[in-house]
Amino acid sequence: MAATALHSSQRGRDLAVEVYFFGRFAPDGRMRQAHMTTRTVPVDGDGE
């Protein structure tokens, strides 16, 4: 599983999104299955 947070500001509007990526791999290392989900999270309002 991999997770990251994306923070963006455009035209004075702040946005924060969490992205989760789940993958299943074959024995030879190739990715067999992948799923990704996102969710918006509250912005703390400090501009970062």
PDB file of N, CA and C in Angstrom:
ATOM      1  N   MET A   1       0.837  -1.168   0.000  1.00  0.00           N
ATOM      2  CA  MET A   1       0.000   0.000   0.000  1.00  0.00           C
ATOM      3  C   MET A   1       0.888   1.239   0.000  1.00  0.00           C
ATOM      4  N   ALA A   2       0.467   2.224  -0.735  1.00  0.00           N
ATOM      5  CA  ALA A   2       1.136   3.528  -0.735  1.00  0.00           C
ATOM      6  C   ALA A   2       0.092   4.587  -0.435  1.00  0.00           C
ATOM      7  N   ALA A   3       0.469   5.581   0.323  1.00  0.00           N
ATOM      8  CA  ALA A   3      -0.453   6.667   0.650  1.00  0.00           C
ATOM      9  C   ALA A   3       0.294   7.990   0.552  1.00  0.00           C
ATOM     10  N   THR A   4      -0.411   8.994   0.080  1.00  0.00           N
ATOM     11  CA  THR A   4       0.176  10.329  -0.015  1.00  0.00           C
ATOM     12  C   THR A   4      -0.928  11.364   0.158  1.00  0.00           C
ATOM     13  N   ALA A   5      -0.544  12.575   0.453  1.00  0.00           N
ATOM     14  CA  ALA A   5      -1.508  13.670   0.576  1.00  0.00           C
ATOM     15  C   ALA A   5      -1.134  14.750  -0.431  1.00  0.00           C
ATOM     16  N   LEU A   6      -2.127  15.272  -1.112  1.00  0.00           N
ATOM     17  CA  LEU A   6      -1.947  16.326  -2.095  1.00  0.00           C
ATOM     18  C   LEU A   6      -2.602  17.585  -1.555  1.00  0.00           C
ATOM     19  N   HIS A   7      -1.843  18.674  -1.495  1.00  0.00           N
ATOM     20  CA  HIS A   7      -2.360  19.960  -1.027  1.00  0.00           C
ATOM     21  C   HIS A   7      -2.256  20.948  -2.176  1.00  0.00           C
ATOM     22  N   SER A   8      -3.342  21.656  -2.431  1.00  0.00           N
ATOM     23  CA  SER A   8      -3.374  22.580  -3.556  1.00  0.00           C
ATOM     24  C   SER A   8      -4.107  23.852  -3.171  1.00  0.00           C
ATOM     25  N   SER A   9      -3.724  24.941  -3.796  1.00  0.00           N
ATOM     26  CA  SER A   9      -4.411  26.214  -3.608  1.00  0.00           C
ATOM     27  C   SER A   9      -4.573  26.852  -4.974  1.00  0.00           C
ATOM     28  N   GLN A  10      -5.804  27.172  -5.324  1.00  0.00           N
ATOM     29  CA  GLN A  10      -6.068  27.801  -6.604  1.00  0.00           C
ATOM     30  C   GLN A  10      -7.160  28.839  -6.429  1.00  0.00           C
ATOM     31  N   ARG A  11      -6.854  30.044  -6.854  1.00  0.00           N
ATOM     32  CA  ARG A  11      -7.810  31.150  -6.771  1.00  0.00           C
ATOM     33  C   ARG A  11      -8.342  31.339  -5.354  1.00  0.00           C
ATOM     34  N   GLY A  12      -7.448  31.183  -4.368  1.00  0.00           N
ATOM     35  CA  GLY A  12      -7.818  31.397  -2.981  1.00  0.00           C
ATOM     36  C   GLY A  12      -8.557  30.249  -2.322  1.00  0.00           C
ATOM     37  N   ARG A  13      -8.728  29.148  -3.030  1.00  0.00           N
ATOM     38  CA  ARG A  13      -9.423  27.984  -2.461  1.00  0.00           C
ATOM     39  C   ARG A  13      -8.406  26.887  -2.169  1.00  0.00           C
ATOM     40  N   ASP A  14      -8.354  26.452  -0.919  1.00  0.00           N
ATOM     41  CA  ASP A  14      -7.432  25.387  -0.519  1.00  0.00           C
ATOM     42  C   ASP A  14      -8.126  24.038  -0.619  1.00  0.00           C
ATOM     43  N   LEU A  15      -7.369  23.034  -1.021  1.00  0.00           N
ATOM     44  CA  LEU A  15      -7.896  21.684  -1.175  1.00  0.00           C
ATOM     45  C   LEU A  15      -6.844  20.695  -0.691  1.00  0.00           C
ATOM     46  N   ALA A  16      -7.279  19.686   0.042  1.00  0.00           N
ATOM     47  CA  ALA A  16      -6.381  18.606   0.472  1.00  0.00           C
ATOM     48  C   ALA A  16      -7.054  17.273   0.137  1.00  0.00           C
ATOM     49  N   VAL A  17      -6.292  16.385  -0.483  1.00  0.00           N
ATOM     50  CA  VAL A  17      -6.802  15.080  -0.895  1.00  0.00           C
ATOM     51  C   VAL A  17      -5.820  14.010  -0.446  1.00  0.00           C
ATOM     52  N   GLU A  18      -6.321  12.955   0.146  1.00  0.00           N
ATOM     53  CA  GLU A  18      -5.495  11.787   0.458  1.00  0.00           C
ATOM     54  C   GLU A  18      -5.704  10.761  -0.646  1.00  0.00           C
ATOM     55  N   VAL A  19      -4.616  10.150  -1.101  1.00  0.00           N
ATOM     56  CA  VAL A  19      -4.661   9.153  -2.157  1.00  0.00           C
ATOM     57  C   VAL A  19      -4.073   7.856  -1.608  1.00  0.00           C
ATOM     58  N   TYR A  20      -4.818   6.772  -1.754  1.00  0.00           N
ATOM     59  CA  TYR A  20      -4.363   5.448  -1.318  1.00  0.00           C
ATOM     60  C   TYR A  20      -4.291   4.535  -2.530  1.00  0.00           C
ATOM     61  N   PHE A  21      -3.182   3.830  -2.671  1.00  0.00           N
ATOM     62  CA  PHE A  21      -2.959   2.937  -3.802  1.00  0.00           C
ATOM     63  C   PHE A  21      -2.630   1.545  -3.266  1.00  0.00           C
ATOM     64  N   PHE A  22      -3.380   0.565  -3.711  1.00  0.00           N
ATOM     65  CA  PHE A  22      -3.166  -0.822  -3.318  1.00  0.00           C
ATOM     66  C   PHE A  22      -2.838  -1.623  -4.572  1.00  0.00           C
ATOM     67  N   GLY A  23      -1.788  -2.420  -4.505  1.00  0.00           N
ATOM     68  CA  GLY A  23      -1.414  -3.227  -5.654  1.00  0.00           C
ATOM     69  C   GLY A  23      -1.113  -4.666  -5.246  1.00  0.00           C
ATOM     70  N   ARG A  24      -1.363  -5.566  -6.170  1.00  0.00           N
ATOM     71  CA  ARG A  24      -1.045  -6.982  -5.967  1.00  0.00           C
ATOM     72  C   ARG A  24      -0.083  -7.380  -7.087  1.00  0.00           C
ATOM     73  N   PHE A  25       0.978  -8.073  -6.715  1.00  0.00           N
ATOM     74  CA  PHE A  25       2.036  -8.379  -7.663  1.00  0.00           C
ATOM     75  C   PHE A  25       2.148  -9.879  -7.919  1.00  0.00           C
ATOM     76  N   ALA A  26       2.540 -10.223  -9.133  1.00  0.00           N
ATOM     77  CA  ALA A  26       2.803 -11.606  -9.518  1.00  0.00           C
ATOM     78  C   ALA A  26       4.180 -12.000  -8.977  1.00  0.00           C
ATOM     79  N   PRO A  27       4.465 -13.293  -8.884  1.00  0.00           N
ATOM     80  CA  PRO A  27       5.781 -13.735  -8.401  1.00  0.00           C
ATOM     81  C   PRO A  27       6.961 -13.172  -9.205  1.00  0.00           C
ATOM     82  N   ASP A  28       6.731 -12.861 -10.490  1.00  0.00           N
ATOM     83  CA  ASP A  28       7.820 -12.317 -11.303  1.00  0.00           C
ATOM     84  C   ASP A  28       7.974 -10.801 -11.151  1.00  0.00           C
ATOM     85  N   GLY A  29       7.177 -10.173 -10.281  1.00  0.00           N
ATOM     86  CA  GLY A  29       7.313  -8.751  -9.996  1.00  0.00           C
ATOM     87  C   GLY A  29       6.384  -7.834 -10.765  1.00  0.00           C
ATOM     88  N   ARG A  30       5.672  -8.377 -11.749  1.00  0.00           N
ATOM     89  CA  ARG A  30       4.734  -7.532 -12.494  1.00  0.00           C
ATOM     90  C   ARG A  30       3.473  -7.285 -11.656  1.00  0.00           C
ATOM     91  N   MET A  31       2.899  -6.107 -11.829  1.00  0.00           N
ATOM     92  CA  MET A  31       1.671  -5.784 -11.107  1.00  0.00           C
ATOM     93  C   MET A  31       0.497  -6.506 -11.769  1.00  0.00           C
ATOM     94  N   ARG A  32      -0.249  -7.247 -10.970  1.00  0.00           N
ATOM     95  CA  ARG A  32      -1.390  -7.999 -11.487  1.00  0.00           C
ATOM     96  C   ARG A  32      -2.699  -7.250 -11.282  1.00  0.00           C
ATOM     97  N   GLN A  33      -2.795  -6.514 -10.192  1.00  0.00           N
ATOM     98  CA  GLN A  33      -4.047  -5.857  -9.841  1.00  0.00           C
ATOM     99  C   GLN A  33      -3.719  -4.546  -9.143  1.00  0.00           C
ATOM    100  N   ALA A  34      -4.529  -3.523  -9.397  1.00  0.00           N
ATOM    101  CA  ALA A  34      -4.298  -2.228  -8.757  1.00  0.00           C
ATOM    102  C   ALA A  34      -5.636  -1.579  -8.429  1.00  0.00           C
ATOM    103  N   HIS A  35      -5.692  -0.942  -7.274  1.00  0.00           N
ATOM    104  CA  HIS A  35      -6.876  -0.209  -6.847  1.00  0.00           C
ATOM    105  C   HIS A  35      -6.403   1.099  -6.224  1.00  0.00           C
ATOM    106  N   MET A  36      -7.117   2.166  -6.513  1.00  0.00           N
ATOM    107  CA  MET A  36      -6.785   3.456  -5.949  1.00  0.00           C
ATOM    108  C   MET A  36      -8.069   4.095  -5.440  1.00  0.00           C
ATOM    109  N   THR A  37      -7.957   4.756  -4.306  1.00  0.00           N
ATOM    110  CA  THR A  37      -9.095   5.483  -3.755  1.00  0.00           C
ATOM    111  C   THR A  37      -8.596   6.827  -3.226  1.00  0.00           C
ATOM    112  N   THR A  38      -9.479   7.794  -3.227  1.00  0.00           N
ATOM    113  CA  THR A  38      -9.131   9.128  -2.753  1.00  0.00           C
ATOM    114  C   THR A  38     -10.199   9.616  -1.796  1.00  0.00           C
ATOM    115  N   ARG A  39      -9.823  10.587  -0.968  1.00  0.00           N
ATOM    116  CA  ARG A  39     -10.804  11.259  -0.127  1.00  0.00           C
ATOM    117  C   ARG A  39     -10.321  12.671   0.153  1.00  0.00           C
ATOM    118  N   THR A  40     -11.255  13.598   0.207  1.00  0.00           N
ATOM    119  CA  THR A  40     -10.894  14.963   0.574  1.00  0.00           C
ATOM    120  C   THR A  40     -10.801  15.028   2.086  1.00  0.00           C
ATOM    121  N   VAL A  41      -9.913  15.854   2.571  1.00  0.00           N
ATOM    122  CA  VAL A  41      -9.721  16.016   4.008  1.00  0.00           C
ATOM    123  C   VAL A  41      -9.823  17.496   4.352  1.00  0.00           C
ATOM    124  N   PRO A  42     -10.198  17.817   5.580  1.00  0.00           N
ATOM    125  CA  PRO A  42     -10.285  19.226   5.967  1.00  0.00           C
ATOM    126  C   PRO A  42      -8.927  19.918   5.853  1.00  0.00           C
ATOM    127  N   VAL A  43      -8.947  21.148   5.402  1.00  0.00           N
ATOM    128  CA  VAL A  43      -7.735  21.956   5.301  1.00  0.00           C
ATOM    129  C   VAL A  43      -7.584  22.712   6.601  1.00  0.00           C
ATOM    130  N   ASP A  44      -6.356  22.702   7.157  1.00  0.00           N
ATOM    131  CA  ASP A  44      -6.148  23.326   8.463  1.00  0.00           C
ATOM    132  C   ASP A  44      -6.159  24.844   8.420  1.00  0.00           C
ATOM    133  N   GLY A  45      -6.099  25.447   7.225  1.00  0.00           N
ATOM    134  CA  GLY A  45      -6.256  26.887   7.107  1.00  0.00           C
ATOM    135  C   GLY A  45      -5.010  27.708   7.336  1.00  0.00           C
ATOM    136  N   ASP A  46      -3.831  27.080   7.510  1.00  0.00           N
ATOM    137  CA  ASP A  46      -2.615  27.857   7.743  1.00  0.00           C
ATOM    138  C   ASP A  46      -1.856  28.141   6.446  1.00  0.00           C
ATOM    139  N   GLY A  47      -2.424  27.740   5.299  1.00  0.00           N
ATOM    140  CA  GLY A  47      -1.819  28.043   4.013  1.00  0.00           C
ATOM    141  C   GLY A  47      -0.723  27.104   3.580  1.00  0.00           C
ATOM    142  N   GLU A  48      -0.518  26.008   4.277  1.00  0.00           N
ATOM    143  CA  GLU A  48       0.522  25.039   3.898  1.00  0.00           C
ATOM    144  C   GLU A  48      -0.093  23.774   3.383  1.00  0.00           C
TER     145      GLU A  48
END
